[in-house]
N, C-alpha and C. Protein backbone atom coordinates (compact mmCIF):
# COMPACT_ATOMS: atom_id res chain seq x y z
N MET A 1 7.44 -11.92 -13.96
CA MET A 1 8.17 -12.25 -12.93
C MET A 1 9.20 -11.20 -12.57
N LYS A 2 8.90 -10.52 -11.38
CA LYS A 2 9.69 -9.14 -10.48
C LYS A 2 11.32 -9.64 -10.42
N ILE A 3 11.77 -9.11 -10.87
CA ILE A 3 13.48 -9.06 -10.55
C ILE A 3 14.34 -7.43 -10.85
N ASN A 4 14.13 -7.09 -11.26
CA ASN A 4 14.70 -5.91 -11.51
C ASN A 4 13.71 -4.39 -10.83
N THR A 5 13.86 -4.89 -9.18
CA THR A 5 12.58 -3.82 -8.32
C THR A 5 13.77 -2.73 -7.28
N ILE A 6 13.37 -2.35 -6.89
CA ILE A 6 14.11 -1.49 -5.91
C ILE A 6 14.38 -2.23 -4.67
N PRO A 7 13.26 -2.84 -4.13
CA PRO A 7 13.53 -3.84 -2.94
C PRO A 7 14.88 -4.66 -3.18
N ASN A 8 14.87 -5.47 -4.63
CA ASN A 8 16.21 -6.21 -5.10
C ASN A 8 17.48 -5.39 -4.79
N TRP A 9 17.27 -4.24 -5.25
CA TRP A 9 18.45 -3.53 -5.61
C TRP A 9 18.94 -3.61 -3.96
N ILE A 10 17.98 -2.80 -3.24
CA ILE A 10 18.58 -2.83 -1.69
C ILE A 10 18.95 -3.81 -0.91
N THR A 11 18.56 -5.22 -1.46
CA THR A 11 18.68 -6.59 -0.31
C THR A 11 20.19 -6.69 -1.11
N LEU A 12 20.58 -6.32 -2.65
CA LEU A 12 21.89 -6.51 -2.73
C LEU A 12 22.67 -5.84 -3.06
N ILE A 13 22.21 -4.48 -1.98
CA ILE A 13 23.42 -3.67 -1.76
C ILE A 13 23.77 -3.88 -0.51
N ARG A 14 22.87 -4.62 0.59
CA ARG A 14 22.88 -4.92 1.48
C ARG A 14 23.60 -6.29 1.78
N PHE A 15 24.23 -6.58 0.38
CA PHE A 15 24.57 -8.17 1.03
C PHE A 15 26.00 -7.67 0.33
N LEU A 16 25.78 -7.11 -0.60
CA LEU A 16 27.43 -6.20 -0.87
C LEU A 16 28.59 -5.53 -0.01
N LEU A 17 27.44 -4.69 1.15
CA LEU A 17 27.78 -4.43 2.23
C LEU A 17 28.73 -5.46 3.29
N TYR A 18 27.41 -6.72 3.72
CA TYR A 18 28.21 -7.69 4.15
C TYR A 18 29.40 -8.23 3.66
N VAL A 19 29.39 -8.27 2.40
CA VAL A 19 30.64 -8.87 2.08
C VAL A 19 31.79 -7.92 2.34
N LEU A 20 31.78 -7.25 2.56
CA LEU A 20 32.61 -5.64 3.15
C LEU A 20 33.16 -6.24 4.61
N ILE A 21 32.32 -6.70 4.97
CA ILE A 21 32.24 -6.62 6.42
C ILE A 21 33.12 -7.71 6.52
N LEU A 22 32.96 -9.12 5.91
CA LEU A 22 33.73 -10.19 5.77
C LEU A 22 35.19 -9.96 5.34
N VAL A 23 35.11 -9.49 4.16
CA VAL A 23 36.72 -9.14 3.68
C VAL A 23 37.13 -8.77 4.98
N VAL A 24 36.70 -7.79 5.97
CA VAL A 24 37.64 -6.43 6.97
C VAL A 24 37.94 -7.53 7.90
N LEU A 25 36.81 -8.47 8.20
CA LEU A 25 37.35 -9.74 9.14
C LEU A 25 38.26 -10.75 8.63
N LEU A 26 38.39 -11.61 7.83
CA LEU A 26 38.96 -12.49 7.42
C LEU A 26 40.52 -12.20 7.31
N GLY A 27 40.22 -10.37 6.10
CA GLY A 27 41.26 -9.95 5.71
C GLY A 27 41.79 -9.40 6.81
N ASN A 28 41.86 -9.03 8.07
CA ASN A 28 42.20 -9.35 9.17
C ASN A 28 42.82 -7.62 9.11
N ILE A 29 41.98 -6.45 8.31
CA ILE A 29 42.05 -5.21 8.16
C ILE A 29 41.54 -4.37 9.48
N THR A 30 42.30 -4.31 10.72
CA THR A 30 42.00 -4.18 11.99
C THR A 30 41.52 -2.37 11.44
N TRP A 31 42.43 -1.29 10.82
CA TRP A 31 42.04 -0.43 11.49
C TRP A 31 40.51 -0.05 9.96
N LEU A 32 40.01 -0.55 9.72
CA LEU A 32 38.52 -0.62 9.30
C LEU A 32 37.33 -1.48 10.16
N ARG A 33 38.23 -2.06 11.24
CA ARG A 33 37.16 -3.15 12.24
C ARG A 33 36.31 -2.26 12.64
N PRO A 34 36.60 -1.07 13.36
CA PRO A 34 35.42 0.14 13.78
C PRO A 34 34.39 0.30 13.19
N TYR A 35 34.42 -0.31 11.99
CA TYR A 35 33.31 0.39 10.76
C TYR A 35 32.38 -1.06 10.70
N ILE A 36 33.19 -1.94 11.37
CA ILE A 36 32.04 -3.13 11.09
C ILE A 36 30.54 -2.99 11.90
N LEU A 37 31.03 -2.69 12.96
CA LEU A 37 29.30 -2.10 13.62
C LEU A 37 28.39 -1.17 12.88
N PRO A 38 28.83 0.03 12.57
CA PRO A 38 27.88 1.20 11.70
C PRO A 38 27.89 0.35 10.88
N THR A 39 28.22 -0.49 10.16
CA THR A 39 28.50 -1.09 8.73
C THR A 39 27.44 -2.23 8.89
N TYR A 40 26.85 -2.88 9.74
CA TYR A 40 26.02 -4.23 10.22
C TYR A 40 24.87 -3.46 11.17
N ILE A 41 24.27 -2.33 11.68
CA ILE A 41 23.81 -1.54 11.73
C ILE A 41 22.68 -1.31 10.50
N LEU A 42 23.95 -0.32 9.27
CA LEU A 42 23.06 -0.23 8.29
C LEU A 42 22.57 -1.40 7.46
N VAL A 43 23.26 -2.56 7.32
CA VAL A 43 22.66 -3.36 6.89
C VAL A 43 21.43 -3.95 7.24
N PHE A 44 21.49 -4.31 8.87
CA PHE A 44 19.82 -4.44 9.05
C PHE A 44 18.72 -3.28 8.80
N PHE A 45 19.15 -1.92 9.09
CA PHE A 45 17.84 -1.06 8.44
C PHE A 45 17.89 -1.37 7.22
N MET A 46 18.59 -1.77 6.69
CA MET A 46 18.42 -1.75 5.21
C MET A 46 17.33 -2.84 4.79
N ASP A 47 17.52 -4.00 5.45
CA ASP A 47 16.60 -5.19 5.68
C ASP A 47 15.15 -4.71 5.63
N LYS A 48 14.71 -3.79 6.68
CA LYS A 48 13.81 -3.34 7.05
C LYS A 48 13.14 -2.47 5.99
N LEU A 49 13.89 -2.02 5.46
CA LEU A 49 13.37 -1.07 4.24
C LEU A 49 13.20 -1.47 2.76
N ASP A 50 14.00 -2.62 2.64
CA ASP A 50 13.65 -3.59 1.43
C ASP A 50 12.23 -4.18 1.63
N GLY A 51 11.57 -4.21 2.25
CA GLY A 51 10.17 -5.17 2.89
C GLY A 51 9.80 -3.93 2.90
N TRP A 52 9.54 -2.72 3.55
CA TRP A 52 8.86 -1.40 3.79
C TRP A 52 8.60 -0.96 2.02
N VAL A 53 9.99 -1.12 1.16
CA VAL A 53 9.52 -0.30 -0.01
C VAL A 53 8.63 -1.41 -0.82
N ALA A 54 9.13 -2.67 -0.73
CA ALA A 54 8.49 -3.82 -1.56
C ALA A 54 6.76 -3.44 -1.20
N ARG A 55 5.93 -3.54 0.09
CA ARG A 55 4.99 -3.45 0.27
C ARG A 55 4.20 -2.19 -0.04
N THR A 56 5.16 -0.88 0.36
CA THR A 56 4.68 0.29 0.05
C THR A 56 4.29 0.86 -1.26
N PHE A 57 5.17 0.08 -2.16
CA PHE A 57 5.13 0.66 -3.72
C PHE A 57 4.73 -0.89 -4.27
N ASN A 58 3.69 -1.67 -3.62
CA ASN A 58 3.51 -2.93 -4.84
C ASN A 58 4.56 -3.68 -5.46
N GLN A 59 5.61 -3.31 -5.02
CA GLN A 59 6.81 -4.23 -5.71
C GLN A 59 7.34 -5.58 -5.04
N ALA A 60 6.69 -6.36 -4.02
CA ALA A 60 6.87 -7.44 -3.76
C ALA A 60 6.65 -8.60 -4.50
N SER A 61 7.57 -9.88 -4.59
CA SER A 61 7.75 -10.99 -5.18
C SER A 61 8.28 -11.81 -4.70
N GLU A 62 7.89 -13.37 -4.80
CA GLU A 62 8.37 -14.41 -4.97
C GLU A 62 9.52 -14.26 -5.02
N VAL A 63 10.35 -13.82 -6.03
CA VAL A 63 11.79 -14.01 -6.04
C VAL A 63 12.72 -13.14 -5.08
N GLY A 64 11.91 -11.75 -4.51
CA GLY A 64 12.30 -10.88 -4.04
C GLY A 64 12.55 -11.22 -2.84
N GLN A 65 11.18 -12.03 -2.08
CA GLN A 65 11.41 -12.74 -1.05
C GLN A 65 11.82 -13.91 -0.79
N PHE A 66 12.18 -14.47 -1.77
CA PHE A 66 13.88 -15.70 -1.33
C PHE A 66 15.18 -15.01 -1.70
N PHE A 67 15.15 -14.21 -2.29
CA PHE A 67 16.48 -13.08 -2.38
C PHE A 67 16.58 -12.93 -0.52
N ASP A 68 15.78 -11.96 -0.85
CA ASP A 68 15.57 -11.67 0.72
C ASP A 68 16.05 -12.16 2.34
N LEU A 69 15.35 -13.88 2.09
CA LEU A 69 15.13 -14.69 3.34
C LEU A 69 16.88 -15.41 2.79
N SER A 70 17.35 -15.75 1.83
CA SER A 70 18.95 -16.15 1.69
C SER A 70 19.50 -14.84 2.19
N VAL A 71 19.56 -14.18 1.57
CA VAL A 71 20.76 -12.68 2.43
C VAL A 71 20.93 -12.51 3.75
N ASP A 72 19.10 -12.86 4.16
CA ASP A 72 19.33 -12.93 5.47
C ASP A 72 19.89 -13.93 6.35
N ARG A 73 19.63 -15.56 5.67
CA ARG A 73 20.37 -16.52 6.56
C ARG A 73 21.55 -16.35 6.12
N ALA A 74 22.28 -16.07 5.05
CA ALA A 74 23.72 -16.20 4.99
C ALA A 74 24.39 -14.97 5.74
N ILE A 75 23.84 -14.07 6.07
CA ILE A 75 24.39 -13.19 6.76
C ILE A 75 24.70 -13.40 8.30
N VAL A 76 23.71 -14.17 8.85
CA VAL A 76 23.33 -14.45 10.16
C VAL A 76 24.52 -15.50 10.35
N THR A 77 24.37 -16.86 9.40
CA THR A 77 24.82 -18.04 9.41
C THR A 77 26.82 -17.53 9.34
N THR A 78 26.75 -16.54 8.37
CA THR A 78 28.45 -16.18 8.42
C THR A 78 29.02 -15.46 9.68
N MET A 79 28.34 -14.74 9.88
CA MET A 79 28.52 -14.00 10.68
C MET A 79 29.06 -15.25 12.28
N LEU A 80 27.94 -15.77 12.42
CA LEU A 80 28.25 -16.74 13.59
C LEU A 80 29.64 -17.31 13.39
N ILE A 81 30.08 -17.99 12.24
CA ILE A 81 30.94 -18.61 11.64
C ILE A 81 31.96 -17.73 11.97
N CYS A 82 31.97 -16.68 11.32
CA CYS A 82 33.47 -15.59 11.85
C CYS A 82 33.56 -15.53 13.19
N TYR A 83 32.33 -14.82 14.29
CA TYR A 83 32.53 -15.22 15.80
C TYR A 83 33.00 -16.38 15.76
N LEU A 84 33.10 -17.56 15.48
CA LEU A 84 33.75 -18.69 15.94
C LEU A 84 34.95 -18.79 15.64
N TYR A 85 35.19 -17.93 14.56
CA TYR A 85 36.60 -18.47 14.15
C TYR A 85 37.51 -17.28 14.96
N PHE A 86 37.09 -16.29 15.38
CA PHE A 86 38.09 -14.90 16.27
C PHE A 86 37.43 -15.53 17.89
N TYR A 87 36.47 -15.87 18.16
CA TYR A 87 36.17 -16.78 19.59
C TYR A 87 35.36 -18.10 19.52
N PRO A 88 36.44 -19.02 19.66
CA PRO A 88 35.67 -20.46 19.41
C PRO A 88 34.95 -21.03 20.80
N SER A 89 33.45 -21.44 20.56
CA SER A 89 32.83 -21.60 21.62
C SER A 89 32.38 -23.00 21.25
N VAL A 90 32.33 -24.09 21.91
CA VAL A 90 31.53 -25.25 21.87
C VAL A 90 30.25 -24.62 21.99
N ILE A 91 29.81 -24.21 22.63
CA ILE A 91 28.44 -23.73 22.53
C ILE A 91 27.97 -22.97 21.67
N ILE A 92 28.71 -22.03 21.26
CA ILE A 92 28.11 -21.77 20.14
C ILE A 92 28.04 -22.31 18.83
N LEU A 93 29.12 -23.25 18.57
CA LEU A 93 29.30 -24.25 17.44
C LEU A 93 28.10 -24.75 17.82
N ILE A 94 27.76 -25.60 18.69
CA ILE A 94 26.02 -26.17 18.89
C ILE A 94 25.26 -25.70 18.57
N LEU A 95 24.89 -24.51 19.22
CA LEU A 95 24.14 -23.23 18.67
C LEU A 95 23.56 -23.30 17.19
N LEU A 96 24.73 -23.19 16.40
CA LEU A 96 25.10 -22.91 14.84
C LEU A 96 24.66 -24.19 13.93
N ILE A 97 24.76 -25.34 14.30
CA ILE A 97 24.34 -26.28 13.95
C ILE A 97 23.39 -26.73 13.76
N ALA A 98 22.56 -26.63 15.24
CA ALA A 98 21.13 -26.88 15.77
C ALA A 98 20.11 -25.59 14.79
N ASN A 99 20.90 -24.39 14.87
CA ASN A 99 20.19 -23.36 13.69
C ASN A 99 20.02 -23.82 12.14
N LEU A 100 21.42 -24.05 12.04
CA LEU A 100 21.22 -24.77 10.10
C LEU A 100 20.41 -25.70 10.13
N ILE A 101 20.46 -26.61 10.81
CA ILE A 101 19.54 -27.96 10.86
C ILE A 101 17.51 -27.22 10.93
N ARG A 102 17.59 -26.75 11.88
CA ARG A 102 16.17 -26.04 12.07
C ARG A 102 15.61 -25.44 10.31
N ASP A 103 17.09 -24.24 9.94
CA ASP A 103 16.15 -23.88 8.96
C ASP A 103 16.64 -24.76 7.53
N PHE A 104 17.01 -25.85 7.72
CA PHE A 104 16.88 -26.96 6.53
C PHE A 104 15.39 -27.57 6.89
N LEU A 105 15.14 -28.06 7.47
CA LEU A 105 13.69 -28.47 8.38
C LEU A 105 12.81 -27.67 7.88
N VAL A 106 13.30 -26.27 8.17
CA VAL A 106 11.70 -25.13 7.54
C VAL A 106 11.39 -24.92 6.07
N ALA A 107 12.70 -25.52 5.90
CA ALA A 107 12.88 -25.03 4.14
C ALA A 107 12.01 -26.40 3.66
N GLY A 108 12.07 -27.61 4.56
CA GLY A 108 11.34 -28.92 3.95
C GLY A 108 10.13 -28.75 4.14
N VAL A 109 9.51 -27.65 5.33
CA VAL A 109 8.13 -27.24 5.79
C VAL A 109 7.03 -26.99 4.91
N ARG A 110 8.21 -25.52 4.47
CA ARG A 110 7.48 -24.68 3.27
C ARG A 110 7.22 -25.00 2.09
N GLN A 111 8.12 -26.22 2.04
CA GLN A 111 7.81 -26.97 0.53
C GLN A 111 6.71 -27.96 0.65
N LEU A 112 6.40 -28.44 2.21
CA LEU A 112 5.49 -29.47 2.53
C LEU A 112 3.83 -28.39 2.08
N ALA A 113 4.23 -27.44 2.74
CA ALA A 113 2.86 -26.26 2.91
C ALA A 113 2.98 -25.82 1.29
N ALA A 114 3.70 -25.32 0.66
CA ALA A 114 3.44 -25.30 -0.55
C ALA A 114 2.32 -26.21 -1.42
N ILE A 115 2.94 -27.62 -1.38
CA ILE A 115 2.52 -28.59 -2.06
C ILE A 115 0.82 -28.89 -1.37
N LYS A 116 0.72 -28.56 -0.23
CA LYS A 116 -0.84 -28.59 0.45
C LYS A 116 -1.57 -27.10 0.19
N LEU A 117 -0.80 -26.25 -0.53
CA LEU A 117 -1.31 -24.94 -0.85
C LEU A 117 -1.92 -24.36 0.64
N VAL A 118 -0.38 -24.73 1.45
CA VAL A 118 -0.97 -23.81 2.84
C VAL A 118 -0.13 -22.28 2.84
N PHE A 119 -0.54 -21.69 3.70
CA PHE A 119 -0.30 -20.35 3.78
C PHE A 119 0.39 -20.10 5.34
N LEU A 120 1.68 -20.35 5.46
CA LEU A 120 1.87 -20.63 6.89
C LEU A 120 2.63 -18.63 7.33
N LYS A 121 1.96 -18.41 8.21
CA LYS A 121 2.13 -16.82 8.50
C LYS A 121 2.73 -16.80 9.72
N ALA A 122 3.74 -15.78 9.74
CA ALA A 122 4.62 -16.20 10.39
C ALA A 122 3.80 -15.86 12.13
N HIS A 123 4.89 -16.73 13.29
CA HIS A 123 4.22 -16.75 14.13
C HIS A 123 5.20 -16.07 15.37
N ILE A 124 4.57 -15.83 16.38
CA ILE A 124 5.77 -14.41 17.32
C ILE A 124 6.49 -15.72 17.74
N LEU A 125 6.64 -16.59 18.08
CA LEU A 125 8.04 -17.36 18.61
C LEU A 125 8.59 -17.05 17.18
N GLY A 126 8.69 -17.41 15.76
CA GLY A 126 9.37 -16.96 14.80
C GLY A 126 10.46 -15.56 15.03
N LYS A 127 9.24 -14.77 15.32
CA LYS A 127 9.71 -13.71 15.50
C LYS A 127 10.96 -12.94 16.34
N LEU A 128 10.17 -13.62 17.66
CA LEU A 128 11.11 -13.61 18.69
C LEU A 128 13.02 -14.29 18.09
N LYS A 129 12.56 -15.29 17.51
CA LYS A 129 13.61 -15.63 17.16
C LYS A 129 14.71 -15.31 16.44
N PHE A 130 13.92 -14.13 15.47
CA PHE A 130 14.38 -13.28 14.77
C PHE A 130 14.93 -11.93 15.58
N ILE A 131 14.45 -11.36 16.51
CA ILE A 131 15.08 -10.38 17.49
C ILE A 131 16.47 -10.77 18.05
N THR A 132 16.20 -12.08 18.70
CA THR A 132 17.09 -12.88 19.40
C THR A 132 18.51 -12.89 18.64
N GLU A 133 18.20 -13.54 17.45
CA GLU A 133 19.06 -13.69 16.46
C GLU A 133 20.09 -12.32 15.77
N ASN A 134 19.03 -11.40 15.86
CA ASN A 134 19.66 -10.12 15.37
C ASN A 134 20.40 -9.15 16.39
N LEU A 135 19.90 -9.61 17.70
CA LEU A 135 20.35 -8.77 19.19
C LEU A 135 21.82 -9.33 19.16
N SER A 136 22.27 -11.04 18.85
CA SER A 136 23.41 -11.49 19.35
C SER A 136 24.13 -11.15 18.21
N VAL A 137 23.44 -10.65 17.04
CA VAL A 137 24.80 -10.83 15.98
C VAL A 137 25.13 -9.07 16.02
N ILE A 138 24.51 -8.10 16.34
CA ILE A 138 24.69 -7.28 16.85
C ILE A 138 25.86 -6.93 18.05
N LEU A 139 25.48 -7.75 18.79
CA LEU A 139 27.03 -7.88 20.12
C LEU A 139 27.86 -8.53 19.43
N MET A 140 27.96 -9.31 18.52
CA MET A 140 29.20 -10.01 17.42
C MET A 140 29.74 -9.13 17.04
N ALA A 141 29.05 -7.52 16.23
CA ALA A 141 29.32 -7.35 15.54
C ALA A 141 30.69 -6.04 16.39
N ILE A 142 29.73 -5.91 17.74
CA ILE A 142 30.36 -4.76 19.03
C ILE A 142 32.15 -5.63 19.29
N LEU A 143 31.60 -6.57 19.44
CA LEU A 143 33.09 -7.56 19.83
C LEU A 143 34.04 -7.73 18.75
N LEU A 144 33.65 -8.09 17.42
CA LEU A 144 34.45 -7.80 16.32
C LEU A 144 34.79 -6.54 15.73
N SER A 145 34.50 -5.37 15.96
CA SER A 145 34.70 -4.19 16.06
C SER A 145 35.83 -3.53 17.12
N TYR A 146 35.48 -4.07 18.03
CA TYR A 146 36.25 -3.70 18.86
C TYR A 146 36.86 -4.71 19.97
N PRO A 147 37.84 -6.00 19.57
CA PRO A 147 38.16 -6.75 20.41
C PRO A 147 38.61 -6.52 21.54
N ASN A 148 39.11 -5.40 21.99
CA ASN A 148 39.83 -5.29 23.69
C ASN A 148 38.97 -4.69 24.12
N MET A 149 38.17 -5.09 24.86
CA MET A 149 37.29 -4.92 25.91
C MET A 149 37.22 -5.27 27.10
N GLY A 150 38.39 -5.92 27.27
CA GLY A 150 38.24 -6.29 28.50
C GLY A 150 37.15 -7.17 29.54
N SER A 151 36.73 -6.88 30.42
CA SER A 151 35.70 -7.78 31.40
C SER A 151 34.66 -7.26 30.31
N TYR A 152 34.48 -6.28 29.99
CA TYR A 152 33.25 -5.58 29.13
C TYR A 152 32.52 -6.44 27.75
N GLY A 153 33.95 -7.38 27.39
CA GLY A 153 33.99 -8.31 26.47
C GLY A 153 33.39 -9.32 26.59
N THR A 154 34.08 -9.97 27.90
CA THR A 154 33.48 -11.30 28.44
C THR A 154 32.00 -11.06 28.72
N ILE A 155 31.58 -10.11 29.03
CA ILE A 155 29.86 -9.77 29.43
C ILE A 155 29.10 -9.52 27.96
N ILE A 156 29.98 -9.45 27.34
CA ILE A 156 29.07 -9.35 25.96
C ILE A 156 29.49 -10.53 25.27
N HIS A 157 30.19 -11.56 25.27
CA HIS A 157 30.69 -12.72 25.10
C HIS A 157 29.52 -13.61 25.41
N GLU A 158 29.51 -13.86 26.81
CA GLU A 158 28.09 -14.52 27.68
C GLU A 158 26.69 -13.84 27.53
N SER A 159 26.69 -13.08 26.89
CA SER A 159 25.37 -12.26 26.72
C SER A 159 24.80 -13.08 25.41
N ILE A 160 26.02 -13.23 24.28
CA ILE A 160 25.57 -13.62 23.06
C ILE A 160 25.67 -15.03 23.28
N LYS A 161 26.18 -15.38 24.37
CA LYS A 161 25.75 -17.51 24.28
C LYS A 161 24.52 -17.20 24.56
N TRP A 162 23.91 -16.76 25.93
CA TRP A 162 22.23 -16.92 26.31
C TRP A 162 21.29 -16.25 25.53
N ILE A 163 21.75 -15.32 24.76
CA ILE A 163 20.55 -14.92 23.73
C ILE A 163 20.33 -15.65 22.50
N LEU A 164 21.61 -16.28 22.25
CA LEU A 164 21.41 -17.05 21.31
C LEU A 164 21.16 -18.70 21.69
N VAL A 165 20.94 -19.17 23.09
CA VAL A 165 20.28 -19.96 23.58
C VAL A 165 18.48 -19.77 23.16
N LEU A 166 18.44 -18.80 23.94
CA LEU A 166 16.65 -18.10 23.70
C LEU A 166 16.21 -18.35 22.41
N GLY A 167 17.10 -17.72 21.57
CA GLY A 167 16.83 -17.90 19.91
C GLY A 167 16.26 -18.72 19.46
N THR A 168 17.36 -20.15 19.69
CA THR A 168 17.39 -21.26 19.29
C THR A 168 15.99 -22.10 19.79
N ILE A 169 15.93 -21.83 21.10
CA ILE A 169 14.56 -22.40 21.98
C ILE A 169 13.34 -21.54 21.01
N PHE A 170 13.25 -20.40 20.70
CA PHE A 170 11.92 -19.92 19.98
C PHE A 170 12.18 -20.70 18.61
N GLY A 171 13.34 -20.55 18.38
CA GLY A 171 13.04 -21.07 16.72
C GLY A 171 12.51 -22.57 16.40
N TRP A 172 13.47 -23.48 17.63
CA TRP A 172 12.83 -24.85 17.51
C TRP A 172 11.70 -24.96 18.02
N TRP A 173 10.52 -24.40 18.56
CA TRP A 173 9.60 -24.14 19.16
C TRP A 173 8.84 -23.76 18.09
N ALA A 174 9.09 -22.77 17.30
CA ALA A 174 7.90 -21.83 16.20
C ALA A 174 8.22 -22.88 14.66
N PHE A 175 9.07 -24.06 14.90
CA PHE A 175 9.31 -24.89 14.24
C PHE A 175 8.50 -25.87 13.91
N GLY A 176 8.03 -26.44 15.38
CA GLY A 176 6.99 -27.05 16.19
C GLY A 176 5.69 -26.96 15.54
N LEU A 177 5.74 -25.84 15.59
CA LEU A 177 4.35 -25.36 15.69
C LEU A 177 3.94 -25.34 14.06
N TYR A 178 4.69 -24.78 13.35
CA TYR A 178 4.54 -24.71 11.77
C TYR A 178 4.63 -26.12 11.07
N LEU A 179 5.28 -27.09 11.55
CA LEU A 179 5.34 -28.69 11.35
C LEU A 179 3.85 -29.05 11.27
N ARG A 180 3.26 -28.82 12.71
CA ARG A 180 2.06 -29.47 13.11
C ARG A 180 0.52 -28.65 12.38
N GLN A 181 0.79 -27.46 12.18
CA GLN A 181 -0.03 -26.89 11.64
C GLN A 181 -0.16 -27.19 10.11
N VAL A 182 1.08 -27.52 9.41
CA VAL A 182 1.13 -28.03 8.09
C VAL A 182 0.57 -29.57 8.13
N LEU A 183 0.93 -30.59 8.64
CA LEU A 183 0.95 -32.15 9.09
C LEU A 183 -0.78 -32.10 9.21
N SER A 184 -1.20 -31.30 10.15
CA SER A 184 -2.46 -31.18 10.13
C SER A 184 -3.46 -31.28 9.23
N ILE A 185 -2.84 -30.17 8.48
CA ILE A 185 -4.25 -29.92 7.24
C ILE A 185 -4.01 -31.31 6.04
N LYS A 186 -5.08 -31.78 5.66
CA LYS A 186 -5.54 -32.59 4.55
C LYS A 186 -5.39 -32.21 3.55
N GLN A 187 -4.49 -32.69 2.47
CA GLN A 187 -4.15 -32.64 1.06
C GLN A 187 -5.60 -32.90 0.33
N LYS A 188 -5.66 -31.86 -0.28
CA LYS A 188 -7.38 -31.67 -1.46
C LYS A 188 -6.89 -32.39 -2.41
C-alpha cells in the first residue's frame, strides 16, 4: 500500500493551505483576507497536480484516491459552511444539505459497486458537477476575500446560487445514472 508518495504529500499540503484559509476566515483576520482567493486557486491547481503526478510517475493508489477525494469533499463542504456563516441564505443551505445527502448516497453506491466488482467510470454529468462546484467556490473565495464589493458582490452572490443549483442538478442526475448502472448488473 503506497502512503508516503509525492501525490499524497501534495494533497496534505493542499489540505493544510486550506486550513489556513479557514483560520483567516473564522479568526476574522481581515488583513489576510485578500490572500484567500490566490491561496484557494493554488489549492485548486494542486488538486490537479497531485493527480497528474500520481498518473505520470505511477504513484496512484487507493489510499491516495481516498485521501484526495476526502480532502476535496472537506474543502467544498467547509467552504459552503463558511460562506453560509458570512452570507446566510436558505437556498444555499438547502443546496448544501442536498449535496451532503448525495455525497453519502454516492459513497453507498460506490460500496455496492465494489461488492459487485463493478468499476464506475466518471460520467460527464459528474464532471460538470465538479466544474460548477469549483466555480462557485472560486466565486465564494472572491466574495470572502473582498467582502465590500457593493453591487458586484450582489451579482456574484446571485451567480453562486444559480451555479450551485446547476451543479446540484448535475450531481443528482449523475448519481441516478451511477445507481442505475450498479443496480442493472447481476452479482456473479
